[in-house]
């Protein structure tokens, strides 16, 4: 089982256990667009080959989400993106999208990892 784990102050907390990896160009372009829901415990992971400025948009996404921009497993940015109109940008080699509220307590500099 793949899960998203947040480590802070020596403690681990599971953020998601239903993890989908957007591992193709089409999956990355589609993201969460046109989905009707994003249940608690879910995550969508966007892996990239190298760190760069990465932008997320919420066009055709009818629910709020939390987004994490990671570089080498460290959180560079955390943002809540609003349904339909939200936009976020940060430097990352991995982006993780979570249901709104799932990233509560995650801060820049924290470690977040994807465990198989």
N, C-alpha and C. Protein backbone atom coordinates (compact mmCIF):
# COMPACT_ATOMS: atom_id res chain seq x y z
N UNK A 1 0.84 -1.17 0.00
CA UNK A 1 0.00 0.00 0.00
C UNK A 1 0.89 1.25 0.00
N UNK A 2 0.65 2.13 -0.93
CA UNK A 2 1.36 3.39 -0.99
C UNK A 2 0.66 4.40 -0.09
N UNK A 3 1.44 5.17 0.65
CA UNK A 3 0.86 6.21 1.49
C UNK A 3 1.75 7.44 1.50
N UNK A 4 1.15 8.57 1.87
CA UNK A 4 1.85 9.83 2.01
C UNK A 4 2.04 10.07 3.49
N UNK A 5 3.30 10.26 3.91
CA UNK A 5 3.64 10.39 5.33
C UNK A 5 4.29 11.75 5.58
N UNK A 6 3.80 12.43 6.61
CA UNK A 6 4.34 13.72 7.03
C UNK A 6 5.16 13.50 8.30
N UNK A 7 6.42 13.93 8.28
CA UNK A 7 7.29 13.82 9.45
C UNK A 7 7.58 15.21 9.98
N UNK A 8 7.31 15.38 11.27
CA UNK A 8 7.59 16.66 11.92
C UNK A 8 7.95 16.38 13.37
N UNK A 9 9.05 16.97 13.80
CA UNK A 9 9.52 16.81 15.18
C UNK A 9 9.64 15.35 15.58
N UNK A 10 10.08 14.51 14.64
CA UNK A 10 10.31 13.10 14.93
C UNK A 10 9.07 12.23 14.91
N UNK A 11 7.91 12.82 14.65
CA UNK A 11 6.66 12.06 14.60
C UNK A 11 6.17 11.93 13.17
N UNK A 12 5.65 10.73 12.84
CA UNK A 12 5.08 10.48 11.52
C UNK A 12 3.56 10.51 11.60
N UNK A 13 2.94 11.10 10.58
CA UNK A 13 1.49 11.14 10.47
C UNK A 13 1.13 10.82 9.04
N UNK A 14 0.22 9.90 8.84
CA UNK A 14 -0.21 9.52 7.49
C UNK A 14 -1.22 10.55 6.99
N UNK A 15 -0.92 11.13 5.82
CA UNK A 15 -1.81 12.11 5.20
C UNK A 15 -2.78 11.46 4.23
N UNK A 16 -2.36 10.35 3.59
CA UNK A 16 -3.21 9.69 2.59
C UNK A 16 -2.77 8.25 2.40
N UNK A 17 -3.76 7.39 2.14
CA UNK A 17 -3.48 5.98 1.88
C UNK A 17 -3.99 5.55 0.50
N UNK A 18 -4.83 6.35 -0.13
CA UNK A 18 -5.33 6.06 -1.48
C UNK A 18 -4.60 7.00 -2.43
N UNK A 19 -3.42 6.56 -2.89
CA UNK A 19 -2.51 7.43 -3.63
C UNK A 19 -2.50 7.06 -5.12
N UNK A 20 -2.70 8.07 -5.95
CA UNK A 20 -2.61 7.91 -7.40
C UNK A 20 -1.43 8.74 -7.88
N UNK A 21 -0.60 8.17 -8.74
CA UNK A 21 0.54 8.89 -9.30
C UNK A 21 0.21 9.28 -10.74
N UNK A 22 0.31 10.58 -11.02
CA UNK A 22 0.12 11.08 -12.39
C UNK A 22 1.45 10.90 -13.10
N UNK A 23 1.60 9.75 -13.77
CA UNK A 23 2.91 9.37 -14.32
C UNK A 23 3.00 9.51 -15.84
N UNK A 24 2.03 10.18 -16.44
CA UNK A 24 2.10 10.44 -17.88
C UNK A 24 1.78 11.92 -18.12
N UNK A 25 2.13 12.39 -19.30
CA UNK A 25 1.84 13.78 -19.64
C UNK A 25 0.34 14.05 -19.53
N UNK A 26 -0.49 13.15 -20.07
CA UNK A 26 -1.93 13.34 -20.04
C UNK A 26 -2.46 13.35 -18.60
N UNK A 27 -1.99 12.42 -17.77
CA UNK A 27 -2.45 12.38 -16.37
C UNK A 27 -2.07 13.65 -15.63
N UNK A 28 -0.89 14.19 -15.91
CA UNK A 28 -0.46 15.44 -15.27
C UNK A 28 -1.30 16.61 -15.77
N UNK A 29 -1.61 16.62 -17.05
CA UNK A 29 -2.40 17.72 -17.61
C UNK A 29 -3.84 17.68 -17.08
N UNK A 30 -4.40 16.50 -16.91
CA UNK A 30 -5.78 16.35 -16.45
C UNK A 30 -5.89 16.58 -14.95
N UNK A 31 -4.94 16.06 -14.18
CA UNK A 31 -4.98 16.24 -12.73
C UNK A 31 -6.32 15.83 -12.14
N UNK A 32 -6.94 16.73 -11.40
CA UNK A 32 -8.23 16.46 -10.77
C UNK A 32 -9.41 17.02 -11.56
N UNK A 33 -9.14 17.56 -12.74
CA UNK A 33 -10.22 18.15 -13.53
C UNK A 33 -11.30 17.13 -13.81
N UNK A 34 -12.54 17.58 -13.72
CA UNK A 34 -13.74 16.82 -14.06
C UNK A 34 -14.08 15.73 -13.06
N UNK A 35 -13.33 15.59 -11.98
CA UNK A 35 -13.71 14.64 -10.94
C UNK A 35 -14.85 15.25 -10.13
N UNK A 36 -15.70 14.40 -9.62
CA UNK A 36 -16.83 14.88 -8.81
C UNK A 36 -16.49 14.96 -7.34
N UNK A 37 -15.47 14.20 -6.91
CA UNK A 37 -15.10 14.22 -5.49
C UNK A 37 -13.63 13.84 -5.34
N UNK A 38 -13.14 14.10 -4.15
CA UNK A 38 -11.75 13.77 -3.79
C UNK A 38 -11.83 13.33 -2.32
N UNK A 39 -12.11 12.05 -2.09
CA UNK A 39 -12.40 11.58 -0.73
C UNK A 39 -11.22 11.76 0.24
N UNK A 40 -11.56 11.89 1.51
CA UNK A 40 -10.54 11.92 2.56
C UNK A 40 -9.66 10.69 2.42
N UNK A 41 -8.36 10.86 2.65
CA UNK A 41 -7.42 9.76 2.53
C UNK A 41 -6.83 9.61 1.15
N UNK A 42 -7.30 10.43 0.20
CA UNK A 42 -6.79 10.37 -1.18
C UNK A 42 -5.64 11.34 -1.37
N UNK A 43 -4.84 11.07 -2.39
CA UNK A 43 -3.77 11.98 -2.81
C UNK A 43 -3.50 11.75 -4.29
N UNK A 44 -3.13 12.84 -4.97
CA UNK A 44 -2.67 12.76 -6.35
C UNK A 44 -1.26 13.31 -6.35
N UNK A 45 -0.30 12.50 -6.83
CA UNK A 45 1.12 12.85 -6.81
C UNK A 45 1.60 13.11 -8.23
N UNK A 46 2.30 14.23 -8.40
CA UNK A 46 2.88 14.62 -9.69
C UNK A 46 4.41 14.59 -9.55
N UNK A 47 5.07 13.53 -10.01
CA UNK A 47 6.54 13.49 -9.96
C UNK A 47 7.14 14.15 -11.21
N UNK A 48 8.24 14.85 -11.03
CA UNK A 48 8.96 15.48 -12.13
C UNK A 48 10.43 15.09 -12.03
N UNK A 49 11.15 15.20 -13.13
CA UNK A 49 12.56 14.78 -13.15
C UNK A 49 13.48 15.70 -12.38
N UNK A 50 13.13 17.00 -12.31
CA UNK A 50 14.01 17.95 -11.63
C UNK A 50 13.18 19.07 -11.04
N UNK A 51 13.72 19.78 -10.07
CA UNK A 51 13.00 20.93 -9.51
C UNK A 51 12.87 22.05 -10.54
N UNK A 52 11.71 22.68 -10.56
CA UNK A 52 11.44 23.83 -11.41
C UNK A 52 10.20 24.52 -10.88
N UNK A 53 9.92 25.73 -11.36
CA UNK A 53 8.68 26.40 -11.02
C UNK A 53 7.52 25.59 -11.59
N UNK A 54 6.57 25.24 -10.75
CA UNK A 54 5.41 24.44 -11.15
C UNK A 54 4.14 25.19 -10.74
N UNK A 55 3.19 25.25 -11.66
CA UNK A 55 1.93 25.95 -11.43
C UNK A 55 0.77 24.97 -11.45
N UNK A 56 -0.14 25.14 -10.51
CA UNK A 56 -1.39 24.37 -10.46
C UNK A 56 -2.54 25.32 -10.71
N UNK A 57 -3.57 24.84 -11.40
CA UNK A 57 -4.79 25.63 -11.57
C UNK A 57 -5.98 24.75 -11.19
N UNK A 58 -7.07 25.38 -10.87
CA UNK A 58 -8.26 24.66 -10.42
C UNK A 58 -9.41 24.75 -11.43
N UNK A 59 -9.10 25.05 -12.69
CA UNK A 59 -10.12 25.07 -13.72
C UNK A 59 -10.77 23.69 -13.80
N UNK A 60 -12.08 23.64 -13.75
CA UNK A 60 -12.86 22.40 -13.85
C UNK A 60 -12.65 21.46 -12.67
N UNK A 61 -12.18 21.99 -11.54
CA UNK A 61 -12.07 21.21 -10.29
C UNK A 61 -13.09 21.82 -9.32
N UNK A 62 -14.17 21.08 -9.01
CA UNK A 62 -15.29 21.67 -8.25
C UNK A 62 -15.18 21.58 -6.72
N UNK A 63 -13.97 21.41 -6.20
CA UNK A 63 -13.78 21.32 -4.75
C UNK A 63 -12.43 21.91 -4.40
N UNK A 64 -12.30 22.43 -3.18
CA UNK A 64 -11.02 22.96 -2.70
C UNK A 64 -10.05 21.81 -2.44
N UNK A 65 -8.76 22.11 -2.55
CA UNK A 65 -7.72 21.13 -2.23
C UNK A 65 -6.59 21.80 -1.45
N UNK A 66 -5.76 20.97 -0.82
CA UNK A 66 -4.48 21.40 -0.27
C UNK A 66 -3.40 20.90 -1.23
N UNK A 67 -2.39 21.73 -1.48
CA UNK A 67 -1.30 21.35 -2.37
C UNK A 67 0.03 21.53 -1.67
N UNK A 68 0.92 20.57 -1.89
CA UNK A 68 2.28 20.61 -1.34
C UNK A 68 3.26 20.58 -2.49
N UNK A 69 4.19 21.53 -2.50
CA UNK A 69 5.29 21.54 -3.45
C UNK A 69 6.52 21.04 -2.71
N UNK A 70 7.12 19.94 -3.17
CA UNK A 70 8.27 19.32 -2.50
C UNK A 70 9.52 19.42 -3.36
N UNK A 71 10.64 19.58 -2.70
CA UNK A 71 11.94 19.47 -3.35
C UNK A 71 12.78 18.54 -2.49
N UNK A 72 13.20 17.40 -3.08
CA UNK A 72 13.97 16.39 -2.34
C UNK A 72 13.29 16.00 -1.03
N UNK A 73 11.96 15.88 -1.06
CA UNK A 73 11.21 15.43 0.11
C UNK A 73 10.92 16.50 1.15
N UNK A 74 11.40 17.70 0.95
CA UNK A 74 11.13 18.81 1.88
C UNK A 74 10.05 19.71 1.30
N UNK A 75 9.16 20.16 2.15
CA UNK A 75 8.07 21.01 1.72
C UNK A 75 8.59 22.41 1.43
N UNK A 76 8.40 22.85 0.20
CA UNK A 76 8.78 24.20 -0.23
C UNK A 76 7.62 25.17 -0.06
N UNK A 77 6.40 24.66 -0.27
CA UNK A 77 5.22 25.52 -0.19
C UNK A 77 4.00 24.67 0.13
N UNK A 78 3.08 25.24 0.91
CA UNK A 78 1.79 24.63 1.21
C UNK A 78 0.72 25.66 0.85
N UNK A 79 -0.33 25.24 0.16
CA UNK A 79 -1.39 26.19 -0.19
C UNK A 79 -2.74 25.50 -0.25
N UNK A 80 -3.77 26.24 0.13
CA UNK A 80 -5.16 25.81 -0.09
C UNK A 80 -5.60 26.48 -1.38
N UNK A 81 -6.05 25.68 -2.34
CA UNK A 81 -6.51 26.20 -3.62
C UNK A 81 -8.02 26.09 -3.70
N UNK A 82 -8.67 27.17 -4.07
CA UNK A 82 -10.14 27.23 -4.13
C UNK A 82 -10.66 26.58 -5.40
N UNK A 83 -11.82 25.94 -5.26
CA UNK A 83 -12.49 25.32 -6.41
C UNK A 83 -12.65 26.33 -7.54
N UNK A 84 -12.45 25.88 -8.75
CA UNK A 84 -12.66 26.61 -9.99
C UNK A 84 -11.67 27.75 -10.25
N UNK A 85 -11.30 28.53 -9.22
CA UNK A 85 -10.52 29.75 -9.47
C UNK A 85 -9.12 29.74 -8.88
N UNK A 86 -8.78 28.76 -8.09
CA UNK A 86 -7.49 28.75 -7.40
C UNK A 86 -6.32 28.56 -8.36
N UNK A 87 -5.21 29.21 -8.00
CA UNK A 87 -3.96 29.07 -8.74
C UNK A 87 -2.84 29.06 -7.71
N UNK A 88 -1.87 28.17 -7.88
CA UNK A 88 -0.74 28.12 -6.97
C UNK A 88 0.54 27.87 -7.74
N UNK A 89 1.64 28.37 -7.20
CA UNK A 89 2.93 28.22 -7.87
C UNK A 89 4.02 28.03 -6.83
N UNK A 90 4.97 27.16 -7.14
CA UNK A 90 6.10 26.94 -6.27
C UNK A 90 7.16 26.12 -6.98
N UNK A 91 8.34 26.06 -6.39
CA UNK A 91 9.42 25.25 -6.93
C UNK A 91 9.28 23.84 -6.38
N UNK A 92 9.35 22.85 -7.27
CA UNK A 92 9.15 21.47 -6.82
C UNK A 92 9.69 20.46 -7.82
N UNK A 93 10.06 19.29 -7.28
CA UNK A 93 10.29 18.12 -8.12
C UNK A 93 9.15 17.12 -7.93
N UNK A 94 8.28 17.39 -6.94
CA UNK A 94 7.08 16.59 -6.70
C UNK A 94 6.00 17.53 -6.16
N UNK A 95 4.79 17.35 -6.65
CA UNK A 95 3.63 18.06 -6.10
C UNK A 95 2.65 17.00 -5.61
N UNK A 96 2.07 17.27 -4.46
CA UNK A 96 1.04 16.37 -3.92
C UNK A 96 -0.22 17.18 -3.70
N UNK A 97 -1.33 16.69 -4.26
CA UNK A 97 -2.64 17.29 -4.03
C UNK A 97 -3.41 16.40 -3.07
N UNK A 98 -4.04 17.04 -2.08
CA UNK A 98 -4.78 16.36 -1.02
C UNK A 98 -6.14 17.02 -0.86
N UNK A 99 -7.12 16.31 -0.28
CA UNK A 99 -8.39 16.96 0.03
C UNK A 99 -8.17 18.15 0.97
N UNK A 100 -8.99 19.17 0.83
CA UNK A 100 -8.88 20.35 1.68
C UNK A 100 -8.88 19.95 3.15
N UNK A 101 -7.91 20.45 3.89
CA UNK A 101 -7.77 20.18 5.32
C UNK A 101 -6.79 19.08 5.64
N UNK A 102 -6.46 18.24 4.66
CA UNK A 102 -5.57 17.11 4.92
C UNK A 102 -4.14 17.54 5.24
N UNK A 103 -3.75 18.71 4.77
CA UNK A 103 -2.38 19.19 5.02
C UNK A 103 -2.29 20.10 6.24
N UNK A 104 -3.33 20.12 7.05
CA UNK A 104 -3.29 20.92 8.28
C UNK A 104 -2.09 20.47 9.11
N UNK A 105 -1.29 21.41 9.55
CA UNK A 105 -0.12 21.09 10.35
C UNK A 105 1.15 20.87 9.55
N UNK A 106 1.04 20.84 8.22
CA UNK A 106 2.23 20.71 7.37
C UNK A 106 2.76 22.11 7.09
N UNK A 107 4.07 22.31 7.30
CA UNK A 107 4.70 23.62 7.12
C UNK A 107 5.90 23.51 6.20
N UNK A 108 6.29 24.65 5.64
CA UNK A 108 7.50 24.70 4.84
C UNK A 108 8.67 24.18 5.66
N UNK A 109 9.51 23.36 5.04
CA UNK A 109 10.66 22.78 5.71
C UNK A 109 10.41 21.40 6.28
N UNK A 110 9.13 21.03 6.46
CA UNK A 110 8.80 19.68 6.95
C UNK A 110 9.17 18.64 5.89
N UNK A 111 9.26 17.39 6.30
CA UNK A 111 9.52 16.27 5.40
C UNK A 111 8.20 15.57 5.09
N UNK A 112 7.95 15.33 3.82
CA UNK A 112 6.82 14.52 3.38
C UNK A 112 7.36 13.49 2.41
N UNK A 113 6.99 12.23 2.62
CA UNK A 113 7.52 11.18 1.77
C UNK A 113 6.38 10.29 1.26
N UNK A 114 6.69 9.61 0.17
CA UNK A 114 5.77 8.66 -0.42
C UNK A 114 6.32 7.27 -0.11
N UNK A 115 5.62 6.53 0.71
CA UNK A 115 6.05 5.18 1.11
C UNK A 115 5.29 4.13 0.33
N UNK A 116 6.01 3.13 -0.16
CA UNK A 116 5.36 2.00 -0.84
C UNK A 116 5.19 0.86 0.11
